[in-house]
Amino acid sequence: MANPLCHFELMTNDLQKCRAFYSSVLDWTFDDESMPGYTLINTGAEPSGGMMVKPPEAPAAAMHVYFQVDNIDVTLAKAVEHGGKVVVPNTKIPNVGAFAIVADPEGIVVGLLKQLEE
């Protein structure tokens, strides 16, 4: 299986300003109800996204991408074997699946997502 881009996430200092920008510029809509504390983004086509307040430990506001994988633990092991670093270990997301975050040998950070089987 290829590992396609499946989700993106905006970490922002100002949710309302960011929301107003993307709503006006790209016609995105937002859902604040489905996952309390996290805003889901509907772009009108896949992949969809999410938005959250930037955690204090994150160095800057940024867009983060997630790639769909079949097995997070296997993918994390491959990343480490090939010079990467685990930034966030395999973490469960209730009713969604699980995610992890890795840095490649250059320090570029990407997310891995394993969605629940339907």
PDB file of N, CA and C in Angstrom:
ATOM      1  N   MET A   1       0.842  -1.191   0.000  1.00  0.00           N
ATOM      2  CA  MET A   1       0.000   0.000   0.000  1.00  0.00           C
ATOM      3  C   MET A   1       0.879   1.243   0.000  1.00  0.00           C
ATOM      4  N   ALA A   2       0.503   2.199  -0.767  1.00  0.00           N
ATOM      5  CA  ALA A   2       1.139   3.508  -0.686  1.00  0.00           C
ATOM      6  C   ALA A   2       0.681   4.165   0.612  1.00  0.00           C
ATOM      7  N   ASN A   3       1.390   5.145   1.050  1.00  0.00           N
ATOM      8  CA  ASN A   3       1.035   5.836   2.287  1.00  0.00           C
ATOM      9  C   ASN A   3       0.671   7.283   1.964  1.00  0.00           C
ATOM     10  N   PRO A   4      -0.599   7.497   1.569  1.00  0.00           N
ATOM     11  CA  PRO A   4      -1.014   8.817   1.095  1.00  0.00           C
ATOM     12  C   PRO A   4      -1.178   9.839   2.215  1.00  0.00           C
ATOM     13  N   LEU A   5      -1.097  11.094   1.818  1.00  0.00           N
ATOM     14  CA  LEU A   5      -1.442  12.176   2.721  1.00  0.00           C
ATOM     15  C   LEU A   5      -2.904  11.980   3.106  1.00  0.00           C
ATOM     16  N   CYS A   6      -3.196  11.978   4.409  1.00  0.00           N
ATOM     17  CA  CYS A   6      -4.575  11.696   4.817  1.00  0.00           C
ATOM     18  C   CYS A   6      -5.161  12.760   5.741  1.00  0.00           C
ATOM     19  N   HIS A   7      -4.336  13.663   6.271  1.00  0.00           N
ATOM     20  CA  HIS A   7      -4.845  14.658   7.216  1.00  0.00           C
ATOM     21  C   HIS A   7      -3.795  15.757   7.347  1.00  0.00           C
ATOM     22  N   PHE A   8      -4.241  16.981   7.555  1.00  0.00           N
ATOM     23  CA  PHE A   8      -3.316  18.061   7.881  1.00  0.00           C
ATOM     24  C   PHE A   8      -3.829  18.768   9.118  1.00  0.00           C
ATOM     25  N   GLU A   9      -2.932  19.464   9.786  1.00  0.00           N
ATOM     26  CA  GLU A   9      -3.298  20.113  11.032  1.00  0.00           C
ATOM     27  C   GLU A   9      -2.626  21.479  11.110  1.00  0.00           C
ATOM     28  N   LEU A  10      -3.406  22.474  11.418  1.00  0.00           N
ATOM     29  CA  LEU A  10      -2.872  23.815  11.636  1.00  0.00           C
ATOM     30  C   LEU A  10      -2.721  24.039  13.135  1.00  0.00           C
ATOM     31  N   MET A  11      -1.518  24.368  13.569  1.00  0.00           N
ATOM     32  CA  MET A  11      -1.287  24.787  14.949  1.00  0.00           C
ATOM     33  C   MET A  11      -1.125  26.299  14.897  1.00  0.00           C
ATOM     34  N   THR A  12      -2.004  27.004  15.579  1.00  0.00           N
ATOM     35  CA  THR A  12      -2.052  28.455  15.455  1.00  0.00           C
ATOM     36  C   THR A  12      -2.085  29.132  16.819  1.00  0.00           C
ATOM     37  N   ASN A  13      -1.621  30.365  16.846  1.00  0.00           N
ATOM     38  CA  ASN A  13      -1.688  31.163  18.074  1.00  0.00           C
ATOM     39  C   ASN A  13      -3.063  31.792  18.253  1.00  0.00           C
ATOM     40  N   ASP A  14      -3.816  31.946  17.159  1.00  0.00           N
ATOM     41  CA  ASP A  14      -5.105  32.622  17.200  1.00  0.00           C
ATOM     42  C   ASP A  14      -6.112  31.852  16.345  1.00  0.00           C
ATOM     43  N   LEU A  15      -6.900  30.997  16.997  1.00  0.00           N
ATOM     44  CA  LEU A  15      -7.860  30.162  16.262  1.00  0.00           C
ATOM     45  C   LEU A  15      -8.832  30.990  15.432  1.00  0.00           C
ATOM     46  N   GLN A  16      -9.390  32.022  15.995  1.00  0.00           N
ATOM     47  CA  GLN A  16     -10.416  32.798  15.286  1.00  0.00           C
ATOM     48  C   GLN A  16      -9.838  33.514  14.064  1.00  0.00           C
ATOM     49  N   LYS A  17      -8.656  34.067  14.200  1.00  0.00           N
ATOM     50  CA  LYS A  17      -8.015  34.755  13.077  1.00  0.00           C
ATOM     51  C   LYS A  17      -7.685  33.765  11.959  1.00  0.00           C
ATOM     52  N   CYS A  18      -7.161  32.614  12.326  1.00  0.00           N
ATOM     53  CA  CYS A  18      -6.812  31.575  11.354  1.00  0.00           C
ATOM     54  C   CYS A  18      -8.079  31.060  10.663  1.00  0.00           C
ATOM     55  N   ARG A  19      -9.092  30.819  11.456  1.00  0.00           N
ATOM     56  CA  ARG A  19     -10.371  30.334  10.929  1.00  0.00           C
ATOM     57  C   ARG A  19     -10.974  31.340   9.940  1.00  0.00           C
ATOM     58  N   ALA A  20     -10.972  32.613  10.304  1.00  0.00           N
ATOM     59  CA  ALA A  20     -11.518  33.653   9.423  1.00  0.00           C
ATOM     60  C   ALA A  20     -10.727  33.722   8.118  1.00  0.00           C
ATOM     61  N   PHE A  21      -9.417  33.595   8.203  1.00  0.00           N
ATOM     62  CA  PHE A  21      -8.578  33.647   7.008  1.00  0.00           C
ATOM     63  C   PHE A  21      -8.933  32.519   6.045  1.00  0.00           C
ATOM     64  N   TYR A  22      -8.904  31.261   6.524  1.00  0.00           N
ATOM     65  CA  TYR A  22      -9.137  30.122   5.631  1.00  0.00           C
ATOM     66  C   TYR A  22     -10.593  30.032   5.168  1.00  0.00           C
ATOM     67  N   SER A  23     -11.502  30.484   5.993  1.00  0.00           N
ATOM     68  CA  SER A  23     -12.902  30.519   5.578  1.00  0.00           C
ATOM     69  C   SER A  23     -13.087  31.502   4.420  1.00  0.00           C
ATOM     70  N   SER A  24     -12.477  32.652   4.537  1.00  0.00           N
ATOM     71  CA  SER A  24     -12.611  33.688   3.510  1.00  0.00           C
ATOM     72  C   SER A  24     -11.821  33.385   2.245  1.00  0.00           C
ATOM     73  N   VAL A  25     -10.608  32.879   2.411  1.00  0.00           N
ATOM     74  CA  VAL A  25      -9.719  32.676   1.272  1.00  0.00           C
ATOM     75  C   VAL A  25     -10.010  31.368   0.533  1.00  0.00           C
ATOM     76  N   LEU A  26     -10.267  30.279   1.285  1.00  0.00           N
ATOM     77  CA  LEU A  26     -10.431  28.961   0.668  1.00  0.00           C
ATOM     78  C   LEU A  26     -11.824  28.353   0.832  1.00  0.00           C
ATOM     79  N   ASP A  27     -12.743  29.093   1.440  1.00  0.00           N
ATOM     80  CA  ASP A  27     -14.123  28.624   1.645  1.00  0.00           C
ATOM     81  C   ASP A  27     -14.226  27.366   2.498  1.00  0.00           C
ATOM     82  N   TRP A  28     -13.276  27.169   3.402  1.00  0.00           N
ATOM     83  CA  TRP A  28     -13.348  26.013   4.293  1.00  0.00           C
ATOM     84  C   TRP A  28     -14.444  26.224   5.332  1.00  0.00           C
ATOM     85  N   THR A  29     -15.024  25.114   5.818  1.00  0.00           N
ATOM     86  CA  THR A  29     -15.974  25.165   6.926  1.00  0.00           C
ATOM     87  C   THR A  29     -15.360  24.417   8.111  1.00  0.00           C
ATOM     88  N   PHE A  30     -15.910  24.665   9.297  1.00  0.00           N
ATOM     89  CA  PHE A  30     -15.300  24.164  10.520  1.00  0.00           C
ATOM     90  C   PHE A  30     -16.324  23.500  11.423  1.00  0.00           C
ATOM     91  N   ASP A  31     -15.871  22.486  12.167  1.00  0.00           N
ATOM     92  CA  ASP A  31     -16.708  21.741  13.112  1.00  0.00           C
ATOM     93  C   ASP A  31     -16.004  21.743  14.459  1.00  0.00           C
ATOM     94  N   ASP A  32     -16.579  22.471  15.423  1.00  0.00           N
ATOM     95  CA  ASP A  32     -16.020  22.542  16.774  1.00  0.00           C
ATOM     96  C   ASP A  32     -16.681  21.551  17.732  1.00  0.00           C
ATOM     97  N   GLU A  33     -17.701  20.841  17.277  1.00  0.00           N
ATOM     98  CA  GLU A  33     -18.502  19.995  18.158  1.00  0.00           C
ATOM     99  C   GLU A  33     -18.026  18.541  18.247  1.00  0.00           C
ATOM    100  N   SER A  34     -17.533  17.974  17.157  1.00  0.00           N
ATOM    101  CA  SER A  34     -17.225  16.542  17.105  1.00  0.00           C
ATOM    102  C   SER A  34     -16.091  16.119  18.024  1.00  0.00           C
ATOM    103  N   MET A  35     -15.093  16.962  18.192  1.00  0.00           N
ATOM    104  CA  MET A  35     -13.931  16.645  19.029  1.00  0.00           C
ATOM    105  C   MET A  35     -13.635  17.856  19.913  1.00  0.00           C
ATOM    106  N   PRO A  36     -14.215  17.914  21.111  1.00  0.00           N
ATOM    107  CA  PRO A  36     -14.007  19.078  21.983  1.00  0.00           C
ATOM    108  C   PRO A  36     -12.516  19.408  22.146  1.00  0.00           C
ATOM    109  N   GLY A  37     -12.197  20.693  21.995  1.00  0.00           N
ATOM    110  CA  GLY A  37     -10.820  21.145  22.110  1.00  0.00           C
ATOM    111  C   GLY A  37     -10.048  21.074  20.808  1.00  0.00           C
ATOM    112  N   TYR A  38     -10.712  20.617  19.748  1.00  0.00           N
ATOM    113  CA  TYR A  38     -10.068  20.462  18.445  1.00  0.00           C
ATOM    114  C   TYR A  38     -11.084  20.835  17.382  1.00  0.00           C
ATOM    115  N   THR A  39     -10.680  21.612  16.406  1.00  0.00           N
ATOM    116  CA  THR A  39     -11.580  22.029  15.340  1.00  0.00           C
ATOM    117  C   THR A  39     -11.304  21.207  14.088  1.00  0.00           C
ATOM    118  N   LEU A  40     -12.314  20.521  13.588  1.00  0.00           N
ATOM    119  CA  LEU A  40     -12.167  19.787  12.335  1.00  0.00           C
ATOM    120  C   LEU A  40     -12.381  20.746  11.165  1.00  0.00           C
ATOM    121  N   ILE A  41     -11.597  20.563  10.115  1.00  0.00           N
ATOM    122  CA  ILE A  41     -11.680  21.415   8.939  1.00  0.00           C
ATOM    123  C   ILE A  41     -12.229  20.596   7.778  1.00  0.00           C
ATOM    124  N   ASN A  42     -13.259  21.128   7.122  1.00  0.00           N
ATOM    125  CA  ASN A  42     -13.805  20.522   5.905  1.00  0.00           C
ATOM    126  C   ASN A  42     -13.368  21.390   4.735  1.00  0.00           C
ATOM    127  N   THR A  43     -12.517  20.827   3.887  1.00  0.00           N
ATOM    128  CA  THR A  43     -12.001  21.569   2.733  1.00  0.00           C
ATOM    129  C   THR A  43     -12.888  21.407   1.510  1.00  0.00           C
ATOM    130  N   GLY A  44     -13.878  20.519   1.598  1.00  0.00           N
ATOM    131  CA  GLY A  44     -14.735  20.228   0.454  1.00  0.00           C
ATOM    132  C   GLY A  44     -14.306  18.982  -0.288  1.00  0.00           C
ATOM    133  N   ALA A  45     -13.119  18.460   0.015  1.00  0.00           N
ATOM    134  CA  ALA A  45     -12.585  17.238  -0.589  1.00  0.00           C
ATOM    135  C   ALA A  45     -11.523  16.672   0.348  1.00  0.00           C
ATOM    136  N   GLU A  46     -11.202  15.408   0.165  1.00  0.00           N
ATOM    137  CA  GLU A  46     -10.155  14.805   0.985  1.00  0.00           C
ATOM    138  C   GLU A  46      -8.794  15.290   0.528  1.00  0.00           C
ATOM    139  N   PRO A  47      -7.812  15.422   1.412  1.00  0.00           N
ATOM    140  CA  PRO A  47      -7.904  15.123   2.828  1.00  0.00           C
ATOM    141  C   PRO A  47      -8.543  16.273   3.606  1.00  0.00           C
ATOM    142  N   SER A  48      -9.091  15.914   4.744  1.00  0.00           N
ATOM    143  CA  SER A  48      -9.630  16.924   5.641  1.00  0.00           C
ATOM    144  C   SER A  48      -8.520  17.328   6.609  1.00  0.00           C
ATOM    145  N   GLY A  49      -8.851  18.237   7.501  1.00  0.00           N
ATOM    146  CA  GLY A  49      -7.827  18.700   8.421  1.00  0.00           C
ATOM    147  C   GLY A  49      -8.370  19.017   9.784  1.00  0.00           C
ATOM    148  N   GLY A  50      -7.513  19.581  10.598  1.00  0.00           N
ATOM    149  CA  GLY A  50      -7.871  19.996  11.936  1.00  0.00           C
ATOM    150  C   GLY A  50      -7.092  21.238  12.320  1.00  0.00           C
ATOM    151  N   MET A  51      -7.564  21.880  13.371  1.00  0.00           N
ATOM    152  CA  MET A  51      -6.920  23.107  13.834  1.00  0.00           C
ATOM    153  C   MET A  51      -6.919  23.111  15.357  1.00  0.00           C
ATOM    154  N   MET A  52      -5.821  23.569  15.922  1.00  0.00           N
ATOM    155  CA  MET A  52      -5.711  23.635  17.372  1.00  0.00           C
ATOM    156  C   MET A  52      -4.799  24.783  17.772  1.00  0.00           C
ATOM    157  N   VAL A  53      -4.902  25.186  19.037  1.00  0.00           N
ATOM    158  CA  VAL A  53      -3.995  26.192  19.561  1.00  0.00           C
ATOM    159  C   VAL A  53      -2.615  25.551  19.680  1.00  0.00           C
ATOM    160  N   LYS A  54      -1.588  26.268  19.243  1.00  0.00           N
ATOM    161  CA  LYS A  54      -0.221  25.781  19.292  1.00  0.00           C
ATOM    162  C   LYS A  54       0.171  25.480  20.730  1.00  0.00           C
ATOM    163  N   PRO A  55       0.623  24.240  20.990  1.00  0.00           N
ATOM    164  CA  PRO A  55       1.094  23.920  22.345  1.00  0.00           C
ATOM    165  C   PRO A  55       2.329  24.759  22.694  1.00  0.00           C
ATOM    166  N   PRO A  56       2.517  25.096  23.954  1.00  0.00           N
ATOM    167  CA  PRO A  56       3.655  25.930  24.348  1.00  0.00           C
ATOM    168  C   PRO A  56       5.013  25.351  23.933  1.00  0.00           C
ATOM    169  N   GLU A  57       5.120  24.032  23.887  1.00  0.00           N
ATOM    170  CA  GLU A  57       6.406  23.411  23.550  1.00  0.00           C
ATOM    171  C   GLU A  57       6.699  23.418  22.052  1.00  0.00           C
ATOM    172  N   ALA A  58       5.700  23.703  21.223  1.00  0.00           N
ATOM    173  CA  ALA A  58       5.924  23.787  19.780  1.00  0.00           C
ATOM    174  C   ALA A  58       6.647  25.097  19.473  1.00  0.00           C
ATOM    175  N   PRO A  59       7.662  25.051  18.614  1.00  0.00           N
ATOM    176  CA  PRO A  59       8.465  26.253  18.382  1.00  0.00           C
ATOM    177  C   PRO A  59       7.752  27.379  17.641  1.00  0.00           C
ATOM    178  N   ALA A  60       6.783  27.050  16.787  1.00  0.00           N
ATOM    179  CA  ALA A  60       6.116  28.091  16.003  1.00  0.00           C
ATOM    180  C   ALA A  60       4.778  27.581  15.496  1.00  0.00           C
ATOM    181  N   ALA A  61       3.923  28.521  15.112  1.00  0.00           N
ATOM    182  CA  ALA A  61       2.692  28.137  14.436  1.00  0.00           C
ATOM    183  C   ALA A  61       3.092  27.463  13.128  1.00  0.00           C
ATOM    184  N   ALA A  62       2.356  26.424  12.739  1.00  0.00           N
ATOM    185  CA  ALA A  62       2.774  25.658  11.560  1.00  0.00           C
ATOM    186  C   ALA A  62       1.638  24.816  11.025  1.00  0.00           C
ATOM    187  N   MET A  63       1.817  24.325   9.794  1.00  0.00           N
ATOM    188  CA  MET A  63       0.938  23.314   9.241  1.00  0.00           C
ATOM    189  C   MET A  63       1.688  21.993   9.332  1.00  0.00           C
ATOM    190  N   HIS A  64       1.014  20.985   9.798  1.00  0.00           N
ATOM    191  CA  HIS A  64       1.605  19.671  10.006  1.00  0.00           C
ATOM    192  C   HIS A  64       0.815  18.671   9.155  1.00  0.00           C
ATOM    193  N   VAL A  65       1.502  17.709   8.525  1.00  0.00           N
ATOM    194  CA  VAL A  65       0.801  16.729   7.690  1.00  0.00           C
ATOM    195  C   VAL A  65       0.918  15.328   8.289  1.00  0.00           C
ATOM    196  N   TYR A  66      -0.086  14.506   7.990  1.00  0.00           N
ATOM    197  CA  TYR A  66      -0.125  13.116   8.439  1.00  0.00           C
ATOM    198  C   TYR A  66      -0.240  12.204   7.225  1.00  0.00           C
ATOM    199  N   PHE A  67       0.484  11.093   7.271  1.00  0.00           N
ATOM    200  CA  PHE A  67       0.418  10.086   6.220  1.00  0.00           C
ATOM    201  C   PHE A  67      -0.204   8.824   6.783  1.00  0.00           C
ATOM    202  N   GLN A  68      -1.088   8.224   6.021  1.00  0.00           N
ATOM    203  CA  GLN A  68      -1.781   6.998   6.427  1.00  0.00           C
ATOM    204  C   GLN A  68      -0.811   5.823   6.361  1.00  0.00           C
ATOM    205  N   VAL A  69      -0.781   5.014   7.429  1.00  0.00           N
ATOM    206  CA  VAL A  69       0.064   3.819   7.466  1.00  0.00           C
ATOM    207  C   VAL A  69      -0.765   2.634   7.948  1.00  0.00           C
ATOM    208  N   ASP A  70      -0.305   1.433   7.621  1.00  0.00           N
ATOM    209  CA  ASP A  70      -0.990   0.219   8.064  1.00  0.00           C
ATOM    210  C   ASP A  70      -0.641  -0.150   9.502  1.00  0.00           C
ATOM    211  N   ASN A  71       0.597   0.155   9.919  1.00  0.00           N
ATOM    212  CA  ASN A  71       1.052  -0.236  11.249  1.00  0.00           C
ATOM    213  C   ASN A  71       2.017   0.831  11.763  1.00  0.00           C
ATOM    214  N   ILE A  72       1.600   1.564  12.768  1.00  0.00           N
ATOM    215  CA  ILE A  72       2.423   2.658  13.294  1.00  0.00           C
ATOM    216  C   ILE A  72       3.728   2.145  13.878  1.00  0.00           C
ATOM    217  N   ASP A  73       3.679   1.082  14.670  1.00  0.00           N
ATOM    218  CA  ASP A  73       4.899   0.596  15.317  1.00  0.00           C
ATOM    219  C   ASP A  73       5.938   0.139  14.301  1.00  0.00           C
ATOM    220  N   VAL A  74       5.516  -0.542  13.261  1.00  0.00           N
ATOM    221  CA  VAL A  74       6.442  -0.981  12.209  1.00  0.00           C
ATOM    222  C   VAL A  74       7.036   0.236  11.505  1.00  0.00           C
ATOM    223  N   THR A  75       6.207   1.222  11.214  1.00  0.00           N
ATOM    224  CA  THR A  75       6.673   2.415  10.526  1.00  0.00           C
ATOM    225  C   THR A  75       7.640   3.212  11.406  1.00  0.00           C
ATOM    226  N   LEU A  76       7.355   3.310  12.702  1.00  0.00           N
ATOM    227  CA  LEU A  76       8.278   3.990  13.617  1.00  0.00           C
ATOM    228  C   LEU A  76       9.629   3.280  13.656  1.00  0.00           C
ATOM    229  N   ALA A  77       9.608   1.951  13.697  1.00  0.00           N
ATOM    230  CA  ALA A  77      10.860   1.185  13.710  1.00  0.00           C
ATOM    231  C   ALA A  77      11.663   1.445  12.433  1.00  0.00           C
ATOM    232  N   LYS A  78      11.003   1.488  11.294  1.00  0.00           N
ATOM    233  CA  LYS A  78      11.682   1.783  10.031  1.00  0.00           C
ATOM    234  C   LYS A  78      12.288   3.188  10.061  1.00  0.00           C
ATOM    235  N   ALA A  79      11.539   4.140  10.603  1.00  0.00           N
ATOM    236  CA  ALA A  79      12.021   5.518  10.669  1.00  0.00           C
ATOM    237  C   ALA A  79      13.312   5.592  11.487  1.00  0.00           C
ATOM    238  N   VAL A  80      13.325   4.958  12.644  1.00  0.00           N
ATOM    239  CA  VAL A  80      14.510   4.959  13.501  1.00  0.00           C
ATOM    240  C   VAL A  80      15.664   4.241  12.811  1.00  0.00           C
ATOM    241  N   GLU A  81      15.388   3.103  12.199  1.00  0.00           N
ATOM    242  CA  GLU A  81      16.405   2.323  11.486  1.00  0.00           C
ATOM    243  C   GLU A  81      17.078   3.151  10.387  1.00  0.00           C
ATOM    244  N   HIS A  82      16.344   4.068   9.809  1.00  0.00           N
ATOM    245  CA  HIS A  82      16.866   4.859   8.701  1.00  0.00           C
ATOM    246  C   HIS A  82      17.252   6.279   9.109  1.00  0.00           C
ATOM    247  N   GLY A  83      17.538   6.484  10.390  1.00  0.00           N
ATOM    248  CA  GLY A  83      18.086   7.749  10.856  1.00  0.00           C
ATOM    249  C   GLY A  83      17.091   8.756  11.381  1.00  0.00           C
ATOM    250  N   GLY A  84      15.831   8.368  11.482  1.00  0.00           N
ATOM    251  CA  GLY A  84      14.818   9.273  12.013  1.00  0.00           C
ATOM    252  C   GLY A  84      14.737   9.183  13.526  1.00  0.00           C
ATOM    253  N   LYS A  85      13.841   9.976  14.087  1.00  0.00           N
ATOM    254  CA  LYS A  85      13.651  10.032  15.536  1.00  0.00           C
ATOM    255  C   LYS A  85      12.160  10.073  15.846  1.00  0.00           C
ATOM    256  N   VAL A  86      11.743   9.322  16.841  1.00  0.00           N
ATOM    257  CA  VAL A  86      10.349   9.364  17.283  1.00  0.00           C
ATOM    258  C   VAL A  86      10.163  10.620  18.140  1.00  0.00           C
ATOM    259  N   VAL A  87       9.224  11.478  17.732  1.00  0.00           N
ATOM    260  CA  VAL A  87       8.936  12.700  18.463  1.00  0.00           C
ATOM    261  C   VAL A  87       7.751  12.471  19.407  1.00  0.00           C
ATOM    262  N   VAL A  88       6.701  11.816  18.903  1.00  0.00           N
ATOM    263  CA  VAL A  88       5.537  11.428  19.705  1.00  0.00           C
ATOM    264  C   VAL A  88       5.303   9.953  19.413  1.00  0.00           C
ATOM    265  N   PRO A  89       5.303   9.101  20.448  1.00  0.00           N
ATOM    266  CA  PRO A  89       5.100   7.670  20.210  1.00  0.00           C
ATOM    267  C   PRO A  89       3.678   7.352  19.783  1.00  0.00           C
ATOM    268  N   ASN A  90       3.444   6.101  19.448  1.00  0.00           N
ATOM    269  CA  ASN A  90       2.125   5.603  19.068  1.00  0.00           C
ATOM    270  C   ASN A  90       1.117   6.004  20.155  1.00  0.00           C
ATOM    271  N   THR A  91       0.138   6.817  19.770  1.00  0.00           N
ATOM    272  CA  THR A  91      -0.821   7.382  20.724  1.00  0.00           C
ATOM    273  C   THR A  91      -2.237   7.153  20.212  1.00  0.00           C
ATOM    274  N   LYS A  92      -3.083   6.588  21.035  1.00  0.00           N
ATOM    275  CA  LYS A  92      -4.464   6.315  20.634  1.00  0.00           C
ATOM    276  C   LYS A  92      -5.293   7.603  20.597  1.00  0.00           C
ATOM    277  N   ILE A  93      -6.191   7.663  19.609  1.00  0.00           N
ATOM    278  CA  ILE A  93      -7.178   8.739  19.491  1.00  0.00           C
ATOM    279  C   ILE A  93      -8.543   8.050  19.564  1.00  0.00           C
ATOM    280  N   PRO A  94      -9.313   8.265  20.627  1.00  0.00           N
ATOM    281  CA  PRO A  94     -10.613   7.591  20.756  1.00  0.00           C
ATOM    282  C   PRO A  94     -11.492   7.807  19.532  1.00  0.00           C
ATOM    283  N   ASN A  95     -12.096   6.735  19.062  1.00  0.00           N
ATOM    284  CA  ASN A  95     -13.030   6.734  17.927  1.00  0.00           C
ATOM    285  C   ASN A  95     -12.401   7.129  16.597  1.00  0.00           C
ATOM    286  N   VAL A  96     -11.087   7.255  16.538  1.00  0.00           N
ATOM    287  CA  VAL A  96     -10.403   7.618  15.298  1.00  0.00           C
ATOM    288  C   VAL A  96      -9.372   6.563  14.928  1.00  0.00           C
ATOM    289  N   GLY A  97      -8.480   6.234  15.854  1.00  0.00           N
ATOM    290  CA  GLY A  97      -7.396   5.286  15.589  1.00  0.00           C
ATOM    291  C   GLY A  97      -6.197   5.620  16.443  1.00  0.00           C
ATOM    292  N   ALA A  98      -5.061   5.886  15.814  1.00  0.00           N
ATOM    293  CA  ALA A  98      -3.842   6.227  16.540  1.00  0.00           C
ATOM    294  C   ALA A  98      -2.944   7.064  15.646  1.00  0.00           C
ATOM    295  N   PHE A  99      -2.027   7.800  16.298  1.00  0.00           N
ATOM    296  CA  PHE A  99      -1.074   8.604  15.544  1.00  0.00           C
ATOM    297  C   PHE A  99       0.285   8.557  16.219  1.00  0.00           C
ATOM    298  N   ALA A 100       1.295   8.950  15.483  1.00  0.00           N
ATOM    299  CA  ALA A 100       2.641   9.151  16.003  1.00  0.00           C
ATOM    300  C   ALA A 100       3.261  10.258  15.167  1.00  0.00           C
ATOM    301  N   ILE A 101       4.341  10.826  15.678  1.00  0.00           N
ATOM    302  CA  ILE A 101       5.056  11.860  14.934  1.00  0.00           C
ATOM    303  C   ILE A 101       6.532  11.497  14.912  1.00  0.00           C
ATOM    304  N   VAL A 102       7.131  11.616  13.731  1.00  0.00           N
ATOM    305  CA  VAL A 102       8.558  11.316  13.563  1.00  0.00           C
ATOM    306  C   VAL A 102       9.262  12.507  12.928  1.00  0.00           C
ATOM    307  N   ALA A 103      10.566  12.578  13.189  1.00  0.00           N
ATOM    308  CA  ALA A 103      11.418  13.549  12.505  1.00  0.00           C
ATOM    309  C   ALA A 103      12.343  12.752  11.601  1.00  0.00           C
ATOM    310  N   ASP A 104      12.508  13.219  10.365  1.00  0.00           N
ATOM    311  CA  ASP A 104      13.424  12.540   9.448  1.00  0.00           C
ATOM    312  C   ASP A 104      14.865  12.941   9.804  1.00  0.00           C
ATOM    313  N   PRO A 105      15.876  12.397   9.127  1.00  0.00           N
ATOM    314  CA  PRO A 105      17.261  12.719   9.476  1.00  0.00           C
ATOM    315  C   PRO A 105      17.604  14.215   9.401  1.00  0.00           C
ATOM    316  N   GLU A 106      16.827  14.988   8.635  1.00  0.00           N
ATOM    317  CA  GLU A 106      17.053  16.436   8.539  1.00  0.00           C
ATOM    318  C   GLU A 106      16.293  17.211   9.614  1.00  0.00           C
ATOM    319  N   GLY A 107      15.436  16.510  10.373  1.00  0.00           N
ATOM    320  CA  GLY A 107      14.635  17.161  11.402  1.00  0.00           C
ATOM    321  C   GLY A 107      13.255  17.578  10.938  1.00  0.00           C
ATOM    322  N   ILE A 108      12.877  17.226   9.698  1.00  0.00           N
ATOM    323  CA  ILE A 108      11.539  17.542   9.205  1.00  0.00           C
ATOM    324  C   ILE A 108      10.545  16.609   9.899  1.00  0.00           C
ATOM    325  N   VAL A 109       9.513  17.179  10.477  1.00  0.00           N
ATOM    326  CA  VAL A 109       8.562  16.434  11.288  1.00  0.00           C
ATOM    327  C   VAL A 109       7.306  16.121  10.470  1.00  0.00           C
ATOM    328  N   VAL A 110       6.889  14.840  10.492  1.00  0.00           N
ATOM    329  CA  VAL A 110       5.653  14.410   9.840  1.00  0.00           C
ATOM    330  C   VAL A 110       4.884  13.493  10.780  1.00  0.00           C
ATOM    331  N   GLY A 111       3.585  13.410  10.562  1.00  0.00           N
ATOM    332  CA  GLY A 111       2.738  12.546  11.366  1.00  0.00           C
ATOM    333  C   GLY A 111       2.400  11.265  10.635  1.00  0.00           C
ATOM    334  N   LEU A 112       2.143  10.235  11.412  1.00  0.00           N
ATOM    335  CA  LEU A 112       1.666   8.943  10.918  1.00  0.00           C
ATOM    336  C   LEU A 112       0.297   8.709  11.514  1.00  0.00           C
ATOM    337  N   LEU A 113      -0.630   8.218  10.720  1.00  0.00           N
ATOM    338  CA  LEU A 113      -1.994   8.001  11.200  1.00  0.00           C
ATOM    339  C   LEU A 113      -2.464   6.618  10.786  1.00  0.00           C
ATOM    340  N   LYS A 114      -2.987   5.876  11.744  1.00  0.00           N
ATOM    341  CA  LYS A 114      -3.624   4.581  11.499  1.00  0.00           C
ATOM    342  C   LYS A 114      -5.065   4.742  11.934  1.00  0.00           C
ATOM    343  N   GLN A 115      -5.969   4.771  10.960  1.00  0.00           N
ATOM    344  CA  GLN A 115      -7.369   4.940  11.272  1.00  0.00           C
ATOM    345  C   GLN A 115      -7.992   3.609  11.657  1.00  0.00           C
ATOM    346  N   LEU A 116      -9.040   3.659  12.470  1.00  0.00           N
ATOM    347  CA  LEU A 116      -9.786   2.469  12.849  1.00  0.00           C
ATOM    348  C   LEU A 116     -10.349   1.808  11.605  1.00  0.00           C
ATOM    349  N   GLU A 117     -10.386   0.499  11.621  1.00  0.00           N
ATOM    350  CA  GLU A 117     -10.993  -0.249  10.521  1.00  0.00           C
ATOM    351  C   GLU A 117     -12.491  -0.026  10.534  1.00  0.00           C
ATOM    352  N   GLU A 118     -13.085   0.159   9.384  1.00  0.00           N
ATOM    353  CA  GLU A 118     -14.540   0.374   9.322  1.00  0.00           C
ATOM    354  C   GLU A 118     -15.270  -0.927   9.153  1.00  0.00           C
TER     355      GLU A 118
END
